[in-house]
C-alpha atoms as a PDB file:
ATOM      1  CA  MET A   1      -8.239  11.834 -96.023  1.00  0.00           C
ATOM      2  CA  ILE A   2      -5.055   9.892 -96.634  1.00  0.00           C
ATOM      3  CA  LEU A   3      -2.694  11.550 -99.077  1.00  0.00           C
ATOM      4  CA  ILE A   4      -1.891   9.007-101.741  1.00  0.00           C
ATOM      5  CA  SER A   5      -0.890   9.538-105.332  1.00  0.00           C
ATOM      6  CA  PRO A   6      -3.386   9.010-108.139  1.00  0.00           C
ATOM      7  CA  GLU A   7      -0.905   6.560-109.677  1.00  0.00           C
ATOM      8  CA  THR A   8      -0.997   4.387-106.563  1.00  0.00           C
ATOM      9  CA  VAL A   9      -4.791   4.488-106.431  1.00  0.00           C
ATOM     10  CA  TYR A  10      -4.910   3.536-110.111  1.00  0.00           C
ATOM     11  CA  ASP A  11      -2.487   0.652-109.561  1.00  0.00           C
ATOM     12  CA  ASN A  12      -4.356  -0.564-106.465  1.00  0.00           C
ATOM     13  CA  LEU A  13      -7.508  -0.997-108.527  1.00  0.00           C
ATOM     14  CA  ARG A  14      -5.753  -3.821-110.390  1.00  0.00           C
ATOM     15  CA  LEU A  15      -5.486  -5.713-107.115  1.00  0.00           C
ATOM     16  CA  LEU A  16      -9.177  -5.766-106.207  1.00  0.00           C
ATOM     17  CA  GLU A  17      -9.646  -9.437-107.059  1.00  0.00           C
ATOM     18  CA  GLN A  18      -6.432 -10.455-105.278  1.00  0.00           C
ATOM     19  CA  VAL A  19      -6.982  -8.844-101.877  1.00  0.00           C
ATOM     20  CA  ASP A  20      -9.427  -9.453 -99.050  1.00  0.00           C
ATOM     21  CA  THR A  21     -12.827  -7.795 -98.956  1.00  0.00           C
ATOM     22  CA  ALA A  22     -11.780  -5.052 -96.523  1.00  0.00           C
ATOM     23  CA  SER A  23      -8.764  -4.062 -98.636  1.00  0.00           C
ATOM     24  CA  SER A  24     -10.885  -4.105-101.770  1.00  0.00           C
ATOM     25  CA  ALA A  25     -13.426  -1.794-100.136  1.00  0.00           C
ATOM     26  CA  PHE A  26     -10.619   0.502 -98.951  1.00  0.00           C
ATOM     27  CA  TYR A  27      -9.124   0.693-102.463  1.00  0.00           C
ATOM     28  CA  ARG A  28     -12.537   1.457-103.929  1.00  0.00           C
ATOM     29  CA  GLN A  29     -13.104   4.232-101.377  1.00  0.00           C
ATOM     30  CA  MET A  30      -9.689   5.726-102.132  1.00  0.00           C
ATOM     31  CA  ALA A  31     -10.601   5.715-105.807  1.00  0.00           C
ATOM     32  CA  GLN A  32     -13.889   7.502-105.066  1.00  0.00           C
ATOM     33  CA  ASP A  33     -12.010  10.101-103.009  1.00  0.00           C
ATOM     34  CA  VAL A  34      -9.566  10.787-105.847  1.00  0.00           C
ATOM     35  CA  ILE A  35     -12.365  10.992-108.425  1.00  0.00           C
ATOM     36  CA  ALA A  36     -14.078  13.632-106.270  1.00  0.00           C
ATOM     37  CA  ASP A  37     -10.889  15.650-105.696  1.00  0.00           C
ATOM     38  CA  GLN A  38     -10.855  18.637-108.069  1.00  0.00           C
ATOM     39  CA  LYS A  39      -7.126  19.137-107.355  1.00  0.00           C
ATOM     40  CA  VAL A  40      -6.335  15.880-109.177  1.00  0.00           C
ATOM     41  CA  SER A  41      -5.988  16.242-112.934  1.00  0.00           C
ATOM     42  CA  LEU A  42      -8.999  15.360-115.032  1.00  0.00           C
ATOM     43  CA  SER A  43      -7.029  12.740-116.958  1.00  0.00           C
ATOM     44  CA  TRP A  44      -6.150  10.875-113.744  1.00  0.00           C
ATOM     45  CA  ARG A  45      -9.705  11.123-112.430  1.00  0.00           C
ATOM     46  CA  GLN A  46     -11.058   9.753-115.723  1.00  0.00           C
ATOM     47  CA  ALA A  47      -8.535   6.900-115.804  1.00  0.00           C
ATOM     48  CA  ILE A  48      -9.345   5.932-112.222  1.00  0.00           C
ATOM     49  CA  ALA A  49     -13.092   6.194-112.861  1.00  0.00           C
ATOM     50  CA  ASP A  50     -12.771   3.978-115.944  1.00  0.00           C
ATOM     51  CA  ARG A  51     -10.757   1.328-114.089  1.00  0.00           C
ATOM     52  CA  LEU A  52     -13.135   1.419-111.123  1.00  0.00           C
ATOM     53  CA  ASN A  53     -16.110   1.112-113.447  1.00  0.00           C
ATOM     54  CA  ARG A  54     -14.588  -1.944-115.140  1.00  0.00           C
ATOM     55  CA  ALA A  55     -13.829  -3.511-111.756  1.00  0.00           C
ATOM     56  CA  ASN A  56     -17.384  -2.871-110.581  1.00  0.00           C
ATOM     57  CA  HIS A  57     -18.811  -4.502-113.696  1.00  0.00           C
ATOM     58  CA  LEU A  58     -16.566  -7.523-113.174  1.00  0.00           C
ATOM     59  CA  LEU A  59     -17.716  -7.777-109.565  1.00  0.00           C
ATOM     60  CA  GLU A  60     -21.319  -7.578-110.727  1.00  0.00           C
ATOM     61  CA  ARG A  61     -20.815 -10.351-113.273  1.00  0.00           C
ATOM     62  CA  LEU A  62     -19.151 -12.582-110.682  1.00  0.00           C
ATOM     63  CA  THR A  63     -21.718 -12.066-107.935  1.00  0.00           C
ATOM     64  CA  VAL A  64     -25.105 -11.549-109.586  1.00  0.00           C
ATOM     65  CA  ASP A  65     -26.928 -14.718-110.522  1.00  0.00           C
ATOM     66  CA  ASN A  66     -29.019 -14.763-113.691  1.00  0.00           C
ATOM     67  CA  ASN A  67     -32.045 -15.451-111.493  1.00  0.00           C
ATOM     68  CA  ASP A  68     -31.431 -12.367-109.342  1.00  0.00           C
ATOM     69  CA  SER A  69     -33.450  -9.262-109.926  1.00  0.00           C
ATOM     70  CA  TYR A  70     -33.085  -5.718-108.751  1.00  0.00           C
END
């Protein structure tokens, strides 16, 4: 695991729509790693989870067609 600060992970989640697909996936994985790390404070894990959740919902809205079904 790459050691990166929760602040940087949090900030990187703002860039998801501005970077290429591979970088976006890497930022999302880093966020998942921080969320799962019990050594990171709960407040940081919650903030990162909230931002990642919002980004995932935005991605869903931009990519899922109204005619698509699960």
